[in-house]
Amino acid sequence: MPEPAFLEERRARALEAYEAEPVPTWRRSGFWTTSLRRLELDALEPRRYDAVDQLPQIVREHLGDEEHSGLIVQRGASIIYAHCDDPSVTVTPLEQAVEEHPELVEPWLGKRLPVDEGKFAAANAAFWTGGAFINVPKETRLEKPIQVVYLIDEPGTAQYAHTLAVIGEHAECRIREYCLAPPIDGQALHAGAFELYAAAGAQVQLAHYQDWGPGEVHDVSVKRVEVARDARVKWVPVHLGGHLTKQTLDIVTAEPGSDMRHSGLYFTERDEHLDLFTTDKHEAGHTTGDTVWKGALTGESRASYEGLIHIVPHAQETHTYLQTHQMLLSQKAKGDAIPSLIVEVDNVSASHGGTVGELDEEQIFYMQTRGIPRAEAVRVLVEGYFEEVVQRLDDPGLEALVRRRIAEKLAAAEEQVREFIGERA
C-alpha cells in the first residue's frame, strides 16, 4: 500500500537533505570533538525480523512483569511485538498509524523535527521504519505506563527509529522509551527521533532509558517535547551505556502556564563517548522550568553535557533554573559540564550552575570510621549523588533497575576508583 502523499513528500525532502550533507563532526569546548569518522555507515543496513509471541529475554529483564497500557518493541527495522491493553488509547506502530489514522498523524509528524537539521536527522526522516505512535485522547487518565522498546542485537544494523506521541487536553499518562542491546561484536547505528506534544492541561511523566551495552553501538538522536498551556511534563532521560552517543534533547514551554521538569543522569565507562546538548526553551511568558543533570565517569570515557536556557522575546514572567553536575571517578576520564543562557527579554528569573569534581576522601574516611568498608562507602556516596534524579522517575521498577545498573558499573570500576581517590587524597 503506497504511503500518504504528505509522507512521501517529507521523505523526498529528507532524502535530498541527507544526500547533500557530509557525515558531521561536532566540535565542543577545548579538547572536545565528537566524530563519526570510524563509523562504516555504508556497511550498515536496516535488518528485518519476523513478529514474535514472546518478548526477547533482554526486553523481559528490563520491563519486568509490570502491566502496561500499551507496548511496542522494534528489533532492527521491524516491529516484532505490538500490544495495546487499553481501548481508550492508540498505541500502534507508526507505519500502521500513517495508513490507518493519517488525519491523526499528519498535523504532528515532524512539527518540531525539521528534515534539514543535519545528516542523521534527515536520514531518520527519509528512512524510518516501524516506529511508535501514541495518542492519548483528551481527559483520558492512564494508570498503567505506555512502553516503547528499540532493540539492536546484531552487528551491521542501521536502525532508524521514530516515536510520535500526542497527548490530549487534560489527559494524564506515563510513557517510557527503552533503547537496548546485548553485547555485540561489530558496529551498529541507532538514528532516533522522538517527539511528544502535550496539549493544554495535560500531565505527562516521560522517561528514556538507554543501555546499548559494551558493543559498538553509535546513537545519534534528537528528542523534542512541546508543552502547551497549563500542561506539565516531567522528563527523565537515563544514559547507562553506548559506544558513542550524540543526542539533542529539547523541551519547549510553548504557551502560558506550561511547566517542565527535566532531570537526567549518565554513567560512562571504558572508552565510551557521550555528547549531550539539552535546551530549555521558553516561547511564551508565565512559564516555568527546572533542569537537573548529573553524571559520573570511569575508565577512559569522555562525557560532555551542555545545557541551554533560551527565553525568546515576549516571554516575560518566565522562571527557570538549570544545574549540571559531573563526578570524575577515574584519572583518565575527561568531561565537561556547560550551563548557558540566552535571554532576549526583561522581567524573567533565569539562572544556572555547574560543577565538576571527585569523591571526597574525608567523607569516605568518616564512613570507614563508622565501620563501613571502603568499597561500600564509595557505593553509598555515588548512589546518593544520583538519588535526586533517580527518585524523579517516580517509578519503583525503573528506579530499582537504574540503581542496580549504577551499582554494577561501580563494582566493575572498583579498583580504578580506589586508585584515583587515593591519588587525589
Protein backbone atom coordinates (compact mmCIF):
# COMPACT_ATOMS: atom_id res chain seq x y z
CA MET A 1 0.00 0.00 0.00
CA PRO A 2 1.51 3.37 -1.00
CA GLU A 3 2.24 5.91 1.71
CA PRO A 4 0.12 9.07 2.01
CA ALA A 5 1.27 11.99 -0.14
CA PHE A 6 2.34 14.09 2.84
CA LEU A 7 4.74 11.36 3.99
CA GLU A 8 6.12 10.68 0.52
CA GLU A 9 6.83 14.39 0.11
CA ARG A 10 8.54 14.58 3.50
CA ARG A 11 10.69 11.55 2.78
CA ALA A 12 11.73 13.03 -0.58
CA ARG A 13 12.80 16.32 1.01
CA ALA A 14 14.66 14.43 3.71
CA LEU A 15 16.49 12.23 1.20
CA GLU A 16 17.64 15.31 -0.70
CA ALA A 17 18.94 16.86 2.53
CA TYR A 18 20.64 13.58 3.53
CA GLU A 19 22.50 13.22 0.24
CA ALA A 20 23.65 16.85 0.37
CA GLU A 21 25.15 16.60 3.87
CA PRO A 22 28.53 15.08 4.74
CA VAL A 23 28.97 12.89 7.81
CA PRO A 24 29.32 15.55 10.52
CA THR A 25 31.92 16.25 13.17
CA TRP A 26 30.70 18.18 16.19
CA ARG A 27 33.21 20.46 17.93
CA ARG A 28 32.90 21.43 21.57
CA SER A 29 34.91 23.46 24.05
CA GLY A 30 38.67 22.99 24.18
CA PHE A 31 39.57 19.34 23.66
CA TRP A 32 36.08 18.22 22.77
CA THR A 33 35.26 16.69 19.39
CA THR A 34 32.58 14.15 18.51
CA SER A 35 33.46 12.42 15.28
CA LEU A 36 31.89 9.56 13.32
CA ARG A 37 34.91 9.06 11.09
CA ARG A 38 35.26 5.46 12.28
CA LEU A 39 31.64 4.59 11.61
CA GLU A 40 31.35 2.47 8.47
CA LEU A 41 27.95 3.85 7.54
CA ASP A 42 27.76 2.20 4.12
CA ALA A 43 28.27 -1.24 5.71
CA LEU A 44 25.14 -0.90 7.89
CA GLU A 45 21.65 -1.89 6.79
CA PRO A 46 18.09 -1.96 8.17
CA ARG A 47 17.76 -5.61 9.22
CA ARG A 48 14.26 -7.06 9.26
CA TYR A 49 12.76 -9.70 11.56
CA ASP A 50 9.53 -11.64 12.00
CA ALA A 51 6.97 -10.87 14.68
CA VAL A 52 7.14 -12.90 17.91
CA ASP A 53 4.69 -14.02 20.56
CA GLN A 54 7.26 -13.95 23.37
CA LEU A 55 9.40 -10.93 24.14
CA PRO A 56 13.20 -11.28 23.81
CA GLN A 57 14.91 -12.01 27.10
CA ILE A 58 16.69 -8.66 27.32
CA VAL A 59 13.33 -6.90 26.99
CA ARG A 60 11.72 -9.06 29.68
CA GLU A 61 14.63 -8.40 32.02
CA HIS A 62 14.27 -4.64 31.68
CA LEU A 63 10.49 -4.35 31.69
CA GLY A 64 9.81 -6.94 34.37
CA ASP A 65 6.31 -8.22 34.96
CA GLU A 66 4.57 -4.85 35.26
CA GLU A 67 1.35 -4.46 33.33
CA HIS A 68 1.14 -1.80 30.63
CA SER A 69 -1.46 0.17 28.71
CA GLY A 70 0.47 -0.43 25.51
CA LEU A 71 3.77 -1.94 24.42
CA ILE A 72 5.69 -1.73 21.13
CA VAL A 73 9.02 -3.50 20.52
CA GLN A 74 11.10 -2.75 17.43
CA ARG A 75 14.05 -5.02 16.63
CA GLY A 76 16.27 -3.55 13.95
CA ALA A 77 13.93 -2.19 11.29
CA SER A 78 10.90 -4.30 12.23
CA ILE A 79 8.13 -4.15 14.79
CA ILE A 80 8.23 -7.62 16.33
CA TYR A 81 5.65 -7.06 19.07
CA ALA A 82 2.77 -4.63 19.46
CA HIS A 83 0.05 -4.77 22.06
CA CYS A 84 -2.44 -2.24 23.41
CA ASP A 85 -4.33 -3.29 26.53
CA ASP A 86 -6.44 -0.13 26.85
CA PRO A 87 -9.14 0.57 24.24
CA SER A 88 -9.27 4.24 25.25
CA VAL A 89 -5.85 4.98 23.69
CA THR A 90 -3.96 4.34 20.47
CA VAL A 91 -0.59 2.64 20.79
CA THR A 92 0.43 1.28 17.41
CA PRO A 93 3.40 1.12 15.04
CA LEU A 94 3.85 4.48 13.34
CA GLU A 95 3.86 2.78 9.93
CA GLN A 96 0.41 1.37 10.70
CA ALA A 97 -0.87 4.69 12.10
CA VAL A 98 0.12 6.52 8.91
CA GLU A 99 -2.05 4.13 6.92
CA GLU A 100 -5.00 3.81 9.31
CA HIS A 101 -5.08 7.22 11.02
CA PRO A 102 -3.43 9.74 8.66
CA GLU A 103 -5.69 12.50 10.00
CA LEU A 104 -4.15 11.99 13.48
CA VAL A 105 -0.55 11.72 12.30
CA GLU A 106 -0.21 14.39 9.61
CA PRO A 107 -0.71 17.51 11.80
CA TRP A 108 2.04 16.39 14.21
CA LEU A 109 4.63 14.32 12.39
CA GLY A 110 7.81 16.37 12.21
CA LYS A 111 6.19 19.53 13.62
CA ARG A 112 9.27 20.09 15.82
CA LEU A 113 11.66 17.91 13.81
CA PRO A 114 12.68 19.58 10.53
CA VAL A 115 14.29 17.29 7.97
CA ASP A 116 17.22 19.64 7.32
CA GLU A 117 18.82 19.75 10.79
CA GLY A 118 21.76 17.59 9.76
CA LYS A 119 22.60 14.36 8.03
CA PHE A 120 21.20 11.99 10.65
CA ALA A 121 18.01 13.94 11.26
CA ALA A 122 17.47 13.78 7.51
CA ALA A 123 18.35 10.07 7.48
CA ASN A 124 15.73 9.36 10.10
CA ALA A 125 13.06 11.34 8.26
CA ALA A 126 13.89 9.62 4.97
CA PHE A 127 14.42 6.04 6.12
CA TRP A 128 12.45 5.42 9.33
CA THR A 129 10.57 2.15 9.56
CA GLY A 130 8.33 0.64 12.23
CA GLY A 131 8.21 3.38 14.84
CA ALA A 132 5.64 4.06 17.51
CA PHE A 133 2.54 6.23 17.53
CA ILE A 134 0.90 7.11 20.84
CA ASN A 135 -2.36 9.05 21.04
CA VAL A 136 -3.98 9.62 24.44
CA PRO A 137 -7.34 11.37 23.91
CA LYS A 138 -8.46 14.37 25.95
CA GLU A 139 -9.34 13.80 29.61
CA THR A 140 -8.08 10.20 29.49
CA ARG A 141 -6.18 9.07 32.58
CA LEU A 142 -4.00 6.00 32.35
CA GLU A 143 -2.92 4.08 35.42
CA LYS A 144 -0.53 1.79 33.54
CA PRO A 145 2.51 3.00 31.57
CA ILE A 146 2.93 3.02 27.80
CA GLN A 147 6.24 1.42 26.83
CA VAL A 148 8.31 1.53 23.63
CA VAL A 149 11.45 -0.55 23.14
CA TYR A 150 14.09 -0.20 20.42
CA LEU A 151 16.37 -3.25 20.30
CA ILE A 152 19.58 -3.87 18.36
CA ASP A 153 21.06 -7.34 18.78
CA GLU A 154 23.13 -7.89 15.63
CA PRO A 155 26.16 -6.02 14.29
CA GLY A 156 25.79 -4.35 10.92
CA THR A 157 22.36 -2.96 11.86
CA ALA A 158 21.12 0.53 10.99
CA GLN A 159 18.01 1.37 12.99
CA TYR A 160 16.02 4.47 12.06
CA ALA A 161 13.50 4.77 14.90
CA HIS A 162 10.73 7.34 15.27
CA THR A 163 8.31 7.80 18.16
CA LEU A 164 5.42 10.27 17.89
CA ALA A 165 3.29 10.88 21.00
CA VAL A 166 0.24 13.18 21.06
CA ILE A 167 -1.35 13.72 24.47
CA GLY A 168 -4.79 15.34 24.52
CA GLU A 169 -6.14 18.11 26.72
CA HIS A 170 -6.18 17.30 30.45
CA ALA A 171 -5.01 13.73 29.75
CA GLU A 172 -2.63 12.02 32.18
CA CYS A 173 -0.17 9.27 31.30
CA ARG A 174 3.28 7.76 31.78
CA ILE A 175 5.50 6.94 28.80
CA ARG A 176 8.79 5.02 28.85
CA GLU A 177 11.14 4.50 25.93
CA TYR A 178 13.97 1.96 26.17
CA CYS A 179 16.99 1.62 23.86
CA LEU A 180 18.67 -1.74 24.49
CA ALA A 181 21.38 -4.01 23.12
CA PRO A 182 23.19 -7.08 24.41
CA PRO A 183 26.95 -7.31 23.82
CA ILE A 184 27.50 -7.36 20.05
CA ASP A 185 30.73 -7.79 18.09
CA GLY A 186 30.75 -5.06 15.47
CA GLN A 187 29.24 -1.71 14.62
CA ALA A 188 25.59 -0.67 14.66
CA LEU A 189 23.70 2.61 14.37
CA HIS A 190 20.60 3.94 16.09
CA ALA A 191 19.50 7.19 14.42
CA GLY A 192 16.49 8.05 16.52
CA ALA A 193 13.80 10.71 16.59
CA PHE A 194 11.30 11.30 19.39
CA GLU A 195 8.59 13.95 19.52
CA LEU A 196 5.89 14.48 22.14
CA TYR A 197 3.13 17.09 22.14
CA ALA A 198 1.30 17.70 25.42
CA ALA A 199 -1.93 19.64 24.87
CA ALA A 200 -3.46 22.15 27.28
CA GLY A 201 -3.71 20.87 30.84
CA ALA A 202 -2.06 17.51 30.09
CA GLN A 203 0.14 15.81 32.70
CA VAL A 204 2.89 13.55 31.35
CA GLN A 205 5.62 11.58 33.07
CA LEU A 206 8.21 10.67 30.45
CA ALA A 207 11.32 8.51 30.87
CA HIS A 208 14.02 7.49 28.40
CA TYR A 209 16.34 4.63 29.34
CA GLN A 210 19.40 3.90 27.20
CA ASP A 211 21.80 0.99 27.71
CA TRP A 212 23.41 -0.07 24.45
CA GLY A 213 25.83 -2.39 26.24
CA PRO A 214 29.57 -2.76 25.57
CA GLY A 215 29.33 -3.21 21.78
CA GLU A 216 29.99 -0.56 19.12
CA VAL A 217 26.53 0.99 19.00
CA HIS A 218 26.51 4.57 17.75
CA ASP A 219 23.49 6.62 18.80
CA VAL A 220 22.75 9.90 17.00
CA SER A 221 19.29 11.08 18.05
CA VAL A 222 17.06 14.08 18.53
CA LYS A 223 14.26 14.18 21.12
CA ARG A 224 11.82 17.10 21.44
CA VAL A 225 8.91 17.81 23.74
CA GLU A 226 6.36 20.62 23.36
CA VAL A 227 4.27 21.68 26.38
CA ALA A 228 1.05 23.65 25.79
CA ARG A 229 -0.97 25.96 28.06
CA ASP A 230 -1.14 24.85 31.71
CA ALA A 231 0.31 21.44 30.82
CA ARG A 232 3.19 19.82 32.67
CA VAL A 233 5.82 17.31 31.53
CA LYS A 234 8.29 15.57 33.84
CA TRP A 235 11.06 14.12 31.65
CA VAL A 236 13.87 11.90 32.98
CA PRO A 237 16.44 10.58 30.46
CA VAL A 238 18.88 7.93 31.73
CA HIS A 239 22.07 7.12 29.78
CA LEU A 240 23.83 3.98 31.04
CA GLY A 241 25.72 2.67 28.03
CA GLY A 242 26.72 3.37 24.45
CA HIS A 243 29.98 3.30 22.48
CA LEU A 244 29.29 6.76 21.02
CA THR A 245 26.22 8.83 21.79
CA LYS A 246 25.41 12.25 20.31
CA GLN A 247 21.98 13.44 21.37
CA THR A 248 20.00 16.66 21.35
CA LEU A 249 17.16 16.83 23.88
CA ASP A 250 14.88 19.89 23.78
CA ILE A 251 11.83 20.76 25.83
CA VAL A 252 9.71 23.73 24.79
CA THR A 253 7.24 25.51 27.05
CA ALA A 254 5.18 26.90 24.20
CA GLU A 255 2.17 28.58 25.86
CA PRO A 256 1.43 30.49 29.09
CA GLY A 257 1.19 28.36 32.20
CA SER A 258 3.21 25.47 30.77
CA ASP A 259 5.72 23.83 33.09
CA MET A 260 8.54 21.35 32.61
CA ARG A 261 10.76 19.32 34.93
CA HIS A 262 13.76 17.88 33.08
CA SER A 263 16.14 15.69 35.10
CA GLY A 264 18.74 13.33 33.66
CA LEU A 265 21.68 11.16 34.58
CA TYR A 266 24.54 9.37 32.83
CA PHE A 267 27.28 6.95 33.84
CA THR A 268 30.08 6.34 31.33
CA GLU A 269 32.77 3.65 31.44
CA ARG A 270 35.55 2.03 29.38
CA ASP A 271 36.16 4.19 26.26
CA GLU A 272 32.57 5.38 25.85
CA HIS A 273 31.94 8.80 24.32
CA LEU A 274 28.85 10.77 25.34
CA ASP A 275 27.88 14.17 23.93
CA LEU A 276 24.61 15.66 25.20
CA PHE A 277 23.03 19.02 24.41
CA THR A 278 19.76 20.00 26.08
CA THR A 279 17.61 23.09 25.66
CA ASP A 280 15.00 24.54 27.99
CA LYS A 281 13.25 26.87 25.54
CA HIS A 282 10.52 29.29 26.64
CA GLU A 283 8.38 30.55 23.76
CA ALA A 284 5.70 32.18 25.94
CA GLY A 285 5.53 34.17 29.12
CA HIS A 286 4.35 32.93 32.52
CA THR A 287 6.10 29.58 32.01
CA THR A 288 8.30 27.66 34.44
CA GLY A 289 11.09 25.13 34.22
CA ASP A 290 13.67 23.22 36.22
CA THR A 291 16.58 21.21 34.79
CA VAL A 292 18.92 18.96 36.80
CA TRP A 293 21.55 16.68 35.22
CA LYS A 294 24.09 14.51 37.00
CA GLY A 295 26.84 12.34 35.53
CA ALA A 296 29.71 10.09 36.58
CA LEU A 297 32.71 8.97 34.52
CA THR A 298 35.02 5.96 34.88
CA GLY A 299 37.64 4.27 32.70
CA GLU A 300 38.88 6.34 29.76
CA SER A 301 35.41 7.61 28.93
CA ARG A 302 34.52 11.10 27.81
CA ALA A 303 31.29 12.90 28.58
CA SER A 304 30.17 16.38 27.67
CA TYR A 305 26.90 17.86 28.86
CA GLU A 306 25.82 21.31 27.67
CA GLY A 307 22.53 22.73 28.88
CA LEU A 308 20.96 25.89 27.48
CA ILE A 309 18.15 28.05 28.81
CA HIS A 310 16.67 30.06 25.93
CA ILE A 311 13.99 32.67 26.64
CA VAL A 312 12.70 34.29 23.46
CA PRO A 313 11.30 37.83 23.06
CA HIS A 314 7.88 38.49 24.65
CA ALA A 315 8.29 35.57 27.11
CA GLN A 316 8.05 37.77 30.22
CA GLU A 317 7.48 36.36 33.69
CA THR A 318 9.41 33.19 32.93
CA HIS A 319 11.00 31.40 35.87
CA THR A 320 13.53 28.64 35.26
CA TYR A 321 16.76 27.14 36.60
CA LEU A 322 19.44 24.81 35.22
CA GLN A 323 22.04 22.88 37.18
CA THR A 324 24.54 20.30 35.94
CA HIS A 325 26.99 18.24 37.96
CA GLN A 326 29.70 15.81 36.93
CA MET A 327 31.72 13.38 39.06
CA LEU A 328 35.08 12.04 37.86
CA LEU A 329 35.89 8.56 39.15
CA SER A 330 38.98 7.82 37.05
CA GLN A 331 42.26 9.56 36.33
CA LYS A 332 41.85 9.01 32.58
CA ALA A 333 38.22 10.07 32.25
CA LYS A 334 37.55 13.51 30.77
CA GLY A 335 34.40 15.55 30.94
CA ASP A 336 32.82 18.96 30.97
CA ALA A 337 29.55 20.42 32.20
CA ILE A 338 28.50 23.63 30.46
CA PRO A 339 25.40 25.58 31.52
CA SER A 340 24.48 28.62 29.42
CA LEU A 341 21.78 31.26 28.99
CA ILE A 342 20.22 33.17 26.11
CA VAL A 343 17.71 35.69 27.48
CA GLU A 344 16.06 38.00 24.96
CA VAL A 345 13.57 39.75 27.26
CA ASP A 346 13.42 41.55 30.59
CA ASN A 347 11.43 40.64 33.70
CA VAL A 348 12.39 36.98 33.96
CA SER A 349 14.08 34.77 36.54
CA ALA A 350 16.69 32.51 34.94
CA SER A 351 19.89 31.17 36.45
CA HIS A 352 22.27 28.26 36.14
CA GLY A 353 25.14 26.49 37.85
CA GLY A 354 27.57 23.70 37.11
CA THR A 355 30.22 21.64 38.91
CA VAL A 356 32.86 19.05 38.02
CA GLY A 357 34.52 17.23 40.90
CA GLU A 358 35.60 13.99 42.58
CA LEU A 359 34.57 12.00 45.62
CA ASP A 360 35.72 13.49 48.90
CA GLU A 361 38.29 11.27 50.62
CA GLU A 362 37.35 12.77 54.00
CA GLN A 363 33.75 11.60 53.58
CA ILE A 364 34.95 8.12 52.70
CA PHE A 365 37.30 8.09 55.73
CA TYR A 366 34.49 9.26 58.01
CA MET A 367 32.24 6.41 56.85
CA GLN A 368 35.08 3.92 57.33
CA THR A 369 35.50 5.08 60.93
CA ARG A 370 31.85 4.10 61.41
CA GLY A 371 32.60 0.55 60.30
CA ILE A 372 31.57 0.85 56.64
CA PRO A 373 34.02 -0.86 54.22
CA ARG A 374 35.66 1.46 51.72
CA ALA A 375 34.01 -0.03 48.63
CA GLU A 376 30.61 0.21 50.32
CA ALA A 377 31.29 3.83 51.32
CA VAL A 378 32.10 4.74 47.71
CA ARG A 379 28.95 2.99 46.50
CA VAL A 380 26.76 4.81 49.04
CA LEU A 381 28.22 8.21 48.16
CA VAL A 382 27.86 7.74 44.40
CA GLU A 383 24.36 6.31 44.65
CA GLY A 384 23.41 9.15 47.00
CA TYR A 385 24.75 11.63 44.45
CA PHE A 386 22.41 10.20 41.79
CA GLU A 387 19.42 9.68 44.06
CA GLU A 388 17.88 13.11 43.48
CA VAL A 389 17.43 12.25 39.80
CA VAL A 390 16.53 8.58 40.33
CA GLN A 391 13.65 9.48 42.63
CA ARG A 392 12.25 11.83 39.98
CA LEU A 393 11.48 8.77 37.86
CA ASP A 394 8.61 8.19 40.30
CA ASP A 395 8.54 4.57 39.12
CA PRO A 396 9.65 1.87 41.58
CA GLY A 397 10.53 -0.72 38.95
CA LEU A 398 12.56 1.64 36.79
CA GLU A 399 14.20 3.19 39.85
CA ALA A 400 15.34 -0.26 41.01
CA LEU A 401 16.73 -1.04 37.54
CA VAL A 402 18.73 2.21 37.43
CA ARG A 403 20.10 1.72 40.95
CA ARG A 404 21.15 -1.82 40.11
CA ARG A 405 22.96 -0.79 36.94
CA ILE A 406 24.78 2.04 38.73
CA ALA A 407 25.91 -0.39 41.44
CA GLU A 408 27.12 -2.86 38.77
CA LYS A 409 29.12 -0.18 36.98
CA LEU A 410 30.70 0.94 40.23
CA ALA A 411 31.63 -2.62 41.13
CA ALA A 412 33.26 -3.11 37.73
CA ALA A 413 35.33 0.06 38.24
CA GLU A 414 36.13 -0.52 41.93
CA GLU A 415 39.92 -0.84 41.52
CA GLN A 416 40.35 2.25 39.33
CA VAL A 417 38.07 4.32 41.56
CA ARG A 418 40.08 3.30 44.63
CA GLU A 419 43.37 4.20 42.91
CA PHE A 420 42.04 7.54 41.67
CA ILE A 421 40.67 8.61 45.05
CA GLY A 422 43.91 7.54 46.71
CA GLU A 423 45.94 9.66 44.31
CA ARG A 424 43.76 12.70 44.93
CA ALA A 425 43.74 12.39 48.71
